[in-house]
N, C-alpha and C. Protein backbone atom coordinates (compact mmCIF):
# COMPACT_ATOMS: atom_id res chain seq x y z
N UNK A 1 9.38 14.00 15.31
CA UNK A 1 8.40 14.49 14.36
C UNK A 1 8.00 13.34 13.44
N UNK A 2 6.73 13.20 13.24
CA UNK A 2 6.20 12.10 12.43
C UNK A 2 5.88 12.58 11.01
N UNK A 3 5.84 11.63 10.09
CA UNK A 3 5.49 11.92 8.70
C UNK A 3 4.14 12.63 8.63
N UNK A 4 3.16 12.15 9.41
CA UNK A 4 1.81 12.73 9.37
C UNK A 4 1.79 14.20 9.78
N UNK A 5 2.82 14.65 10.51
CA UNK A 5 2.88 16.04 10.95
C UNK A 5 3.31 17.00 9.85
N UNK A 6 4.02 16.51 8.86
CA UNK A 6 4.53 17.41 7.83
C UNK A 6 4.11 17.05 6.41
N UNK A 7 3.43 15.92 6.23
CA UNK A 7 3.04 15.50 4.88
C UNK A 7 1.94 16.41 4.32
N UNK A 8 1.81 16.39 3.01
CA UNK A 8 0.72 17.07 2.34
C UNK A 8 -0.45 16.10 2.32
N UNK A 9 -1.58 16.54 2.86
CA UNK A 9 -2.74 15.64 2.96
C UNK A 9 -3.67 15.72 1.75
N UNK A 10 -3.76 16.88 1.14
CA UNK A 10 -4.60 17.03 -0.06
C UNK A 10 -3.72 16.73 -1.27
N UNK A 11 -3.78 15.49 -1.71
CA UNK A 11 -2.89 15.03 -2.77
C UNK A 11 -3.63 14.98 -4.10
N UNK A 12 -3.01 15.55 -5.10
CA UNK A 12 -3.54 15.44 -6.47
C UNK A 12 -3.07 14.10 -7.01
N UNK A 13 -4.00 13.30 -7.51
CA UNK A 13 -3.66 11.97 -8.01
C UNK A 13 -4.18 11.80 -9.43
N UNK A 14 -3.69 10.75 -10.07
CA UNK A 14 -4.17 10.33 -11.37
C UNK A 14 -4.46 8.84 -11.32
N UNK A 15 -5.15 8.36 -12.32
CA UNK A 15 -5.36 6.92 -12.47
C UNK A 15 -4.45 6.43 -13.59
N UNK A 16 -4.19 5.14 -13.66
CA UNK A 16 -3.33 4.62 -14.73
C UNK A 16 -3.87 4.93 -16.13
N UNK A 17 -5.17 5.08 -16.26
CA UNK A 17 -5.79 5.31 -17.57
C UNK A 17 -5.83 6.77 -17.99
N UNK A 18 -5.46 7.69 -17.10
CA UNK A 18 -5.43 9.11 -17.48
C UNK A 18 -4.39 9.32 -18.57
N UNK A 19 -4.64 10.32 -19.41
CA UNK A 19 -3.71 10.65 -20.49
C UNK A 19 -2.55 11.48 -19.96
N UNK A 20 -1.42 11.35 -20.61
CA UNK A 20 -0.22 12.10 -20.25
C UNK A 20 -0.48 13.60 -20.36
N UNK A 21 -1.37 14.00 -21.27
CA UNK A 21 -1.70 15.42 -21.40
C UNK A 21 -2.18 16.00 -20.07
N UNK A 22 -2.98 15.24 -19.34
CA UNK A 22 -3.49 15.71 -18.04
C UNK A 22 -2.33 15.87 -17.05
N UNK A 23 -1.41 14.93 -17.08
CA UNK A 23 -0.23 15.00 -16.22
C UNK A 23 0.58 16.25 -16.53
N UNK A 24 0.79 16.53 -17.81
CA UNK A 24 1.51 17.72 -18.24
C UNK A 24 0.82 18.97 -17.70
N UNK A 25 -0.49 19.02 -17.79
CA UNK A 25 -1.26 20.15 -17.28
C UNK A 25 -1.04 20.31 -15.77
N UNK A 26 -1.11 19.23 -15.02
CA UNK A 26 -0.93 19.30 -13.56
C UNK A 26 0.44 19.84 -13.19
N UNK A 27 1.47 19.35 -13.85
CA UNK A 27 2.82 19.81 -13.54
C UNK A 27 2.98 21.29 -13.84
N UNK A 28 2.37 21.74 -14.90
CA UNK A 28 2.55 23.13 -15.31
C UNK A 28 1.65 24.13 -14.62
N UNK A 29 0.48 23.70 -14.18
CA UNK A 29 -0.47 24.66 -13.61
C UNK A 29 -0.75 24.47 -12.12
N UNK A 30 -0.36 23.36 -11.55
CA UNK A 30 -0.58 23.12 -10.12
C UNK A 30 0.72 23.27 -9.32
N UNK A 31 1.83 23.51 -10.02
CA UNK A 31 3.12 23.73 -9.37
C UNK A 31 3.53 22.55 -8.48
N UNK A 32 3.41 21.36 -9.02
CA UNK A 32 3.81 20.13 -8.33
C UNK A 32 4.81 19.38 -9.19
N UNK A 33 5.55 18.46 -8.57
CA UNK A 33 6.56 17.70 -9.31
C UNK A 33 6.37 16.19 -9.23
N UNK A 34 5.42 15.73 -8.39
CA UNK A 34 5.18 14.29 -8.22
C UNK A 34 3.68 14.05 -8.13
N UNK A 35 3.21 13.03 -8.85
CA UNK A 35 1.79 12.69 -8.80
C UNK A 35 1.65 11.19 -8.55
N UNK A 36 1.06 10.83 -7.39
CA UNK A 36 0.79 9.41 -7.16
C UNK A 36 -0.30 8.92 -8.12
N UNK A 37 -0.20 7.66 -8.51
CA UNK A 37 -1.18 7.03 -9.39
C UNK A 37 -1.93 6.00 -8.55
N UNK A 38 -3.26 6.13 -8.51
CA UNK A 38 -4.08 5.26 -7.65
C UNK A 38 -5.21 4.63 -8.45
N UNK A 39 -5.72 3.54 -7.91
CA UNK A 39 -6.91 2.92 -8.49
C UNK A 39 -8.13 3.73 -8.06
N UNK A 40 -9.29 3.37 -8.56
CA UNK A 40 -10.52 4.08 -8.17
C UNK A 40 -10.86 3.86 -6.70
N UNK A 41 -10.20 2.91 -6.05
CA UNK A 41 -10.42 2.67 -4.61
C UNK A 41 -9.34 3.33 -3.75
N UNK A 42 -8.45 4.11 -4.36
CA UNK A 42 -7.43 4.82 -3.61
C UNK A 42 -6.18 4.02 -3.31
N UNK A 43 -6.01 2.87 -3.96
CA UNK A 43 -4.83 2.04 -3.73
C UNK A 43 -3.68 2.54 -4.61
N UNK A 44 -2.54 2.78 -4.00
CA UNK A 44 -1.36 3.27 -4.71
C UNK A 44 -0.83 2.20 -5.66
N UNK A 45 -0.67 2.56 -6.94
CA UNK A 45 -0.12 1.61 -7.91
C UNK A 45 1.11 2.16 -8.62
N UNK A 46 1.39 3.46 -8.42
CA UNK A 46 2.56 4.03 -9.08
C UNK A 46 2.74 5.49 -8.70
N UNK A 47 3.78 6.09 -9.26
CA UNK A 47 4.04 7.51 -9.08
C UNK A 47 4.73 8.01 -10.34
N UNK A 48 4.49 9.27 -10.68
CA UNK A 48 5.13 9.88 -11.84
C UNK A 48 5.74 11.20 -11.40
N UNK A 49 6.99 11.43 -11.79
CA UNK A 49 7.64 12.70 -11.49
C UNK A 49 7.73 13.54 -12.76
N UNK A 50 8.03 14.81 -12.58
CA UNK A 50 8.20 15.67 -13.75
C UNK A 50 9.36 15.18 -14.61
N UNK A 51 10.36 14.56 -13.99
CA UNK A 51 11.48 14.01 -14.76
C UNK A 51 11.05 12.83 -15.61
N UNK A 52 10.13 11.99 -15.07
CA UNK A 52 9.61 10.87 -15.87
C UNK A 52 8.93 11.39 -17.12
N UNK A 53 8.16 12.46 -16.97
CA UNK A 53 7.45 13.04 -18.10
C UNK A 53 8.42 13.61 -19.13
N UNK A 54 9.45 14.29 -18.66
CA UNK A 54 10.43 14.89 -19.58
C UNK A 54 11.11 13.82 -20.42
N UNK A 55 11.30 12.63 -19.86
CA UNK A 55 11.95 11.54 -20.59
C UNK A 55 11.12 11.07 -21.78
N UNK A 56 9.80 11.23 -21.71
CA UNK A 56 8.94 10.69 -22.77
C UNK A 56 8.26 11.76 -23.61
N UNK A 57 8.67 13.01 -23.45
CA UNK A 57 8.08 14.03 -24.32
C UNK A 57 8.33 13.62 -25.77
N UNK A 58 7.37 13.88 -26.58
CA UNK A 58 7.45 13.41 -27.95
C UNK A 58 6.80 12.05 -28.08
N UNK A 59 5.91 11.74 -27.11
CA UNK A 59 5.21 10.46 -27.10
C UNK A 59 4.33 10.31 -28.34
N UNK A 60 3.90 9.08 -28.64
CA UNK A 60 3.00 8.89 -29.77
C UNK A 60 1.79 9.81 -29.67
N UNK A 61 1.43 10.40 -30.81
CA UNK A 61 0.34 11.37 -30.82
C UNK A 61 -0.66 11.03 -31.90
N UNK A 62 -1.83 11.60 -31.76
CA UNK A 62 -2.88 11.44 -32.76
C UNK A 62 -3.26 12.83 -33.24
N UNK A 63 -3.29 13.03 -34.53
CA UNK A 63 -3.68 14.33 -35.07
C UNK A 63 -5.10 14.27 -35.58
N UNK A 64 -5.88 15.27 -35.22
CA UNK A 64 -7.25 15.40 -35.68
C UNK A 64 -7.34 16.64 -36.54
N UNK A 65 -7.97 16.52 -37.70
CA UNK A 65 -8.14 17.68 -38.55
C UNK A 65 -9.48 18.31 -38.24
N UNK A 66 -9.46 19.61 -38.00
CA UNK A 66 -10.67 20.36 -37.71
C UNK A 66 -11.34 20.79 -39.03
N UNK A 67 -12.63 21.13 -38.97
CA UNK A 67 -13.33 21.57 -40.18
C UNK A 67 -12.68 22.79 -40.85
N UNK A 68 -12.00 23.62 -40.06
CA UNK A 68 -11.38 24.81 -40.65
C UNK A 68 -10.01 24.51 -41.26
N UNK A 69 -9.60 23.24 -41.27
CA UNK A 69 -8.35 22.85 -41.89
C UNK A 69 -7.17 22.78 -40.94
N UNK A 70 -7.32 23.29 -39.71
CA UNK A 70 -6.22 23.22 -38.74
C UNK A 70 -6.20 21.83 -38.12
N UNK A 71 -5.07 21.48 -37.55
CA UNK A 71 -4.97 20.18 -36.90
C UNK A 71 -4.78 20.34 -35.40
N UNK A 72 -5.29 19.38 -34.68
CA UNK A 72 -5.17 19.33 -33.23
C UNK A 72 -4.40 18.06 -32.91
N UNK A 73 -3.32 18.19 -32.15
CA UNK A 73 -2.50 17.03 -31.80
C UNK A 73 -2.80 16.60 -30.38
N UNK A 74 -3.15 15.35 -30.20
CA UNK A 74 -3.46 14.79 -28.89
C UNK A 74 -2.50 13.65 -28.58
N UNK A 75 -2.07 13.58 -27.34
CA UNK A 75 -1.23 12.46 -26.93
C UNK A 75 -2.13 11.26 -26.69
N UNK A 76 -1.71 10.12 -27.18
CA UNK A 76 -2.48 8.90 -26.96
C UNK A 76 -1.89 8.07 -25.83
N UNK A 77 -0.76 8.52 -25.32
CA UNK A 77 -0.07 7.77 -24.26
C UNK A 77 -0.82 7.94 -22.95
N UNK A 78 -0.88 6.87 -22.17
CA UNK A 78 -1.53 6.90 -20.87
C UNK A 78 -0.49 6.92 -19.75
N UNK A 79 -0.91 7.39 -18.59
CA UNK A 79 -0.03 7.49 -17.43
C UNK A 79 0.60 6.14 -17.10
N UNK A 80 -0.16 5.06 -17.26
CA UNK A 80 0.35 3.72 -16.93
C UNK A 80 1.64 3.40 -17.70
N UNK A 81 1.82 4.01 -18.87
CA UNK A 81 2.99 3.70 -19.68
C UNK A 81 4.26 4.38 -19.18
N UNK A 82 4.14 5.39 -18.30
CA UNK A 82 5.34 6.07 -17.83
C UNK A 82 5.50 6.06 -16.31
N UNK A 83 4.47 5.61 -15.59
CA UNK A 83 4.55 5.65 -14.12
C UNK A 83 5.56 4.63 -13.60
N UNK A 84 6.11 4.94 -12.44
CA UNK A 84 6.98 3.99 -11.75
C UNK A 84 6.07 3.09 -10.90
N UNK A 85 6.13 1.82 -11.17
CA UNK A 85 5.28 0.86 -10.45
C UNK A 85 5.90 0.50 -9.10
N UNK A 86 5.05 0.11 -8.18
CA UNK A 86 5.47 -0.29 -6.83
C UNK A 86 6.45 0.72 -6.23
N UNK A 87 6.01 1.98 -6.12
CA UNK A 87 6.93 2.99 -5.59
C UNK A 87 7.21 2.78 -4.12
N UNK A 88 8.35 3.29 -3.68
CA UNK A 88 8.64 3.31 -2.25
C UNK A 88 7.54 4.15 -1.61
N UNK A 89 7.12 3.77 -0.42
CA UNK A 89 6.12 4.54 0.31
C UNK A 89 6.40 4.41 1.80
N UNK A 90 5.66 5.19 2.59
CA UNK A 90 5.91 5.21 4.04
C UNK A 90 4.60 5.34 4.79
N UNK A 91 4.60 4.91 6.03
CA UNK A 91 3.43 4.98 6.92
C UNK A 91 3.37 6.37 7.56
N UNK A 92 2.17 6.90 7.79
CA UNK A 92 2.07 8.23 8.41
C UNK A 92 2.66 8.30 9.81
N UNK A 93 2.76 7.16 10.50
CA UNK A 93 3.30 7.15 11.86
C UNK A 93 4.81 7.03 11.92
N UNK A 94 5.45 6.88 10.77
CA UNK A 94 6.91 6.76 10.73
C UNK A 94 7.55 8.10 11.06
N UNK A 95 8.82 8.05 11.48
CA UNK A 95 9.54 9.28 11.78
C UNK A 95 9.86 10.01 10.47
N UNK A 96 9.73 11.34 10.49
CA UNK A 96 10.05 12.15 9.32
C UNK A 96 11.52 11.94 8.93
N UNK A 97 12.37 11.73 9.92
CA UNK A 97 13.79 11.49 9.64
C UNK A 97 13.97 10.21 8.82
N UNK A 98 13.14 9.20 9.08
CA UNK A 98 13.21 7.96 8.30
C UNK A 98 12.82 8.23 6.84
N UNK A 99 11.79 9.05 6.65
CA UNK A 99 11.38 9.42 5.28
C UNK A 99 12.52 10.13 4.57
N UNK A 100 13.15 11.06 5.27
CA UNK A 100 14.27 11.81 4.68
C UNK A 100 15.41 10.85 4.31
N UNK A 101 15.69 9.89 5.18
CA UNK A 101 16.78 8.94 4.93
C UNK A 101 16.48 8.08 3.70
N UNK A 102 15.25 7.62 3.57
CA UNK A 102 14.86 6.81 2.40
C UNK A 102 15.00 7.64 1.13
N UNK A 103 14.49 8.87 1.19
CA UNK A 103 14.54 9.72 0.00
C UNK A 103 15.99 10.03 -0.41
N UNK A 104 16.85 10.27 0.56
CA UNK A 104 18.25 10.54 0.25
C UNK A 104 18.94 9.29 -0.30
N UNK A 105 18.72 8.15 0.33
CA UNK A 105 19.37 6.91 -0.10
C UNK A 105 18.91 6.49 -1.50
N UNK A 106 17.62 6.61 -1.76
CA UNK A 106 17.06 6.17 -3.05
C UNK A 106 17.09 7.26 -4.11
N UNK A 107 17.51 8.48 -3.70
CA UNK A 107 17.60 9.62 -4.61
C UNK A 107 16.25 9.93 -5.27
N UNK A 108 15.22 10.02 -4.40
CA UNK A 108 13.88 10.35 -4.88
C UNK A 108 13.39 11.61 -4.16
N UNK A 109 12.48 12.33 -4.77
CA UNK A 109 12.02 13.59 -4.23
C UNK A 109 10.72 13.53 -3.47
N UNK A 110 10.08 12.36 -3.44
CA UNK A 110 8.79 12.26 -2.76
C UNK A 110 8.51 10.82 -2.38
N UNK A 111 7.75 10.67 -1.31
CA UNK A 111 7.27 9.35 -0.87
C UNK A 111 5.77 9.42 -0.66
N UNK A 112 5.00 8.60 -1.36
CA UNK A 112 3.58 8.52 -1.03
C UNK A 112 3.43 7.99 0.40
N UNK A 113 2.41 8.48 1.10
CA UNK A 113 2.14 8.05 2.47
C UNK A 113 0.91 7.15 2.41
N UNK A 114 1.08 5.91 2.86
CA UNK A 114 0.04 4.89 2.74
C UNK A 114 -0.33 4.35 4.11
N UNK A 115 -1.65 4.28 4.37
CA UNK A 115 -2.16 3.69 5.60
C UNK A 115 -3.27 2.72 5.26
N UNK A 116 -3.16 1.50 5.78
CA UNK A 116 -4.15 0.45 5.53
C UNK A 116 -4.39 0.25 4.03
N UNK A 117 -3.30 0.31 3.27
CA UNK A 117 -3.37 0.06 1.84
C UNK A 117 -3.85 1.21 0.98
N UNK A 118 -4.16 2.35 1.58
CA UNK A 118 -4.68 3.49 0.81
C UNK A 118 -3.78 4.71 0.95
N UNK A 119 -3.72 5.48 -0.13
CA UNK A 119 -2.95 6.71 -0.13
C UNK A 119 -3.62 7.74 0.78
N UNK A 120 -2.85 8.29 1.73
CA UNK A 120 -3.40 9.30 2.65
C UNK A 120 -2.63 10.62 2.59
N UNK A 121 -1.53 10.63 1.84
CA UNK A 121 -0.75 11.85 1.74
C UNK A 121 0.50 11.61 0.91
N UNK A 122 1.33 12.66 0.86
CA UNK A 122 2.62 12.56 0.19
C UNK A 122 3.59 13.45 0.96
N UNK A 123 4.81 12.98 1.11
CA UNK A 123 5.83 13.78 1.76
C UNK A 123 6.93 14.03 0.72
N UNK A 124 7.27 15.29 0.54
CA UNK A 124 8.25 15.66 -0.47
C UNK A 124 9.50 16.25 0.18
N UNK A 125 10.52 16.40 -0.62
CA UNK A 125 11.74 17.02 -0.11
C UNK A 125 11.45 18.44 0.38
N UNK A 126 10.52 19.14 -0.26
CA UNK A 126 10.15 20.48 0.20
C UNK A 126 9.50 20.44 1.58
N UNK A 127 8.65 19.44 1.85
CA UNK A 127 8.04 19.30 3.17
C UNK A 127 9.13 19.12 4.24
N UNK A 128 10.11 18.30 3.93
CA UNK A 128 11.19 18.03 4.88
C UNK A 128 12.05 19.27 5.09
N UNK A 129 12.33 20.00 4.02
CA UNK A 129 13.12 21.24 4.16
C UNK A 129 12.37 22.28 4.98
N UNK A 130 11.05 22.42 4.77
CA UNK A 130 10.26 23.36 5.57
C UNK A 130 10.30 22.97 7.05
N UNK A 131 10.21 21.67 7.35
CA UNK A 131 10.27 21.21 8.74
C UNK A 131 11.64 21.49 9.33
N UNK A 132 12.69 21.29 8.55
CA UNK A 132 14.05 21.56 9.01
C UNK A 132 14.21 23.03 9.37
N UNK A 133 13.73 23.91 8.51
CA UNK A 133 13.83 25.35 8.77
C UNK A 133 13.07 25.71 10.04
N UNK A 134 11.87 25.16 10.19
CA UNK A 134 11.06 25.45 11.38
C UNK A 134 11.78 24.98 12.65
N UNK A 135 12.32 23.77 12.62
CA UNK A 135 13.02 23.24 13.79
C UNK A 135 14.29 24.03 14.08
N UNK A 136 15.00 24.41 13.04
CA UNK A 136 16.22 25.18 13.21
C UNK A 136 15.92 26.53 13.86
N UNK A 137 14.86 27.18 13.41
CA UNK A 137 14.47 28.46 14.00
C UNK A 137 14.05 28.29 15.46
N UNK A 138 13.36 27.20 15.77
CA UNK A 138 12.96 26.95 17.16
C UNK A 138 14.18 26.72 18.04
N UNK A 139 15.16 25.98 17.53
CA UNK A 139 16.38 25.71 18.30
C UNK A 139 17.15 27.00 18.58
N UNK A 140 17.17 27.89 17.63
CA UNK A 140 17.89 29.15 17.82
C UNK A 140 17.30 29.97 18.97
N UNK A 141 16.02 29.84 19.19
CA UNK A 141 15.37 30.57 20.28
C UNK A 141 15.85 30.08 21.64
N UNK A 142 16.21 28.82 21.73
CA UNK A 142 16.59 28.22 23.00
C UNK A 142 18.09 28.06 23.18
N UNK A 143 18.86 28.36 22.15
CA UNK A 143 20.30 28.21 22.22
C UNK A 143 20.92 29.56 22.55
N UNK A 144 21.64 29.62 23.66
CA UNK A 144 22.28 30.91 23.99
C UNK A 144 23.33 31.25 22.95
N UNK A 145 23.37 32.50 22.60
CA UNK A 145 24.38 32.91 21.62
C UNK A 145 25.74 33.03 22.30
N UNK A 146 26.77 32.75 21.55
CA UNK A 146 28.13 32.81 22.09
C UNK A 146 28.49 34.27 22.35
N UNK A 147 29.18 34.53 23.46
CA UNK A 147 29.59 35.91 23.73
C UNK A 147 30.57 36.39 22.66
N UNK A 148 30.43 37.63 22.30
CA UNK A 148 31.31 38.21 21.29
C UNK A 148 32.69 38.44 21.90
N UNK A 149 33.73 38.15 21.11
CA UNK A 149 35.10 38.37 21.58
C UNK A 149 35.48 39.82 21.30
N UNK A 150 36.14 40.39 22.27
CA UNK A 150 36.62 41.77 22.09
C UNK A 150 37.93 41.72 21.30
N UNK A 151 38.04 42.65 20.40
CA UNK A 151 39.28 42.73 19.62
C UNK A 151 40.14 43.86 20.19
N UNK A 152 41.44 43.69 20.13
CA UNK A 152 42.37 44.68 20.68
C UNK A 152 42.72 45.72 19.66
């Protein structure tokens, strides 16, 4: 099984100049835990996980006073300040088992999938677990069950 067979192809991305507020929104409303960071040409330059964001909560903020006297607090921090640069990545033609091995060894939950220098997908631990369940169920169909032992 290849990475391209199980990766997520529609990837939500950010640019280094996006505000952390947008990242917070994505994690909370898109139900994702990893966001690749790309240039305007689609070149991978970093990745941010929900854990990276949790480490910097309480980032520098800017308060704006509204005409009604209330204040609005905006984060001034940009994604570039918290992203992991030069993230591990994998080719879509690589074996899914190789992706799983890298993720386990490096203790990471996702690998951006890069082809010809551009981001084409992302493979997460959830993608690998879903593939494992599918393969396990397929194997059960072809594996004869052991005969039951009679008890005396």
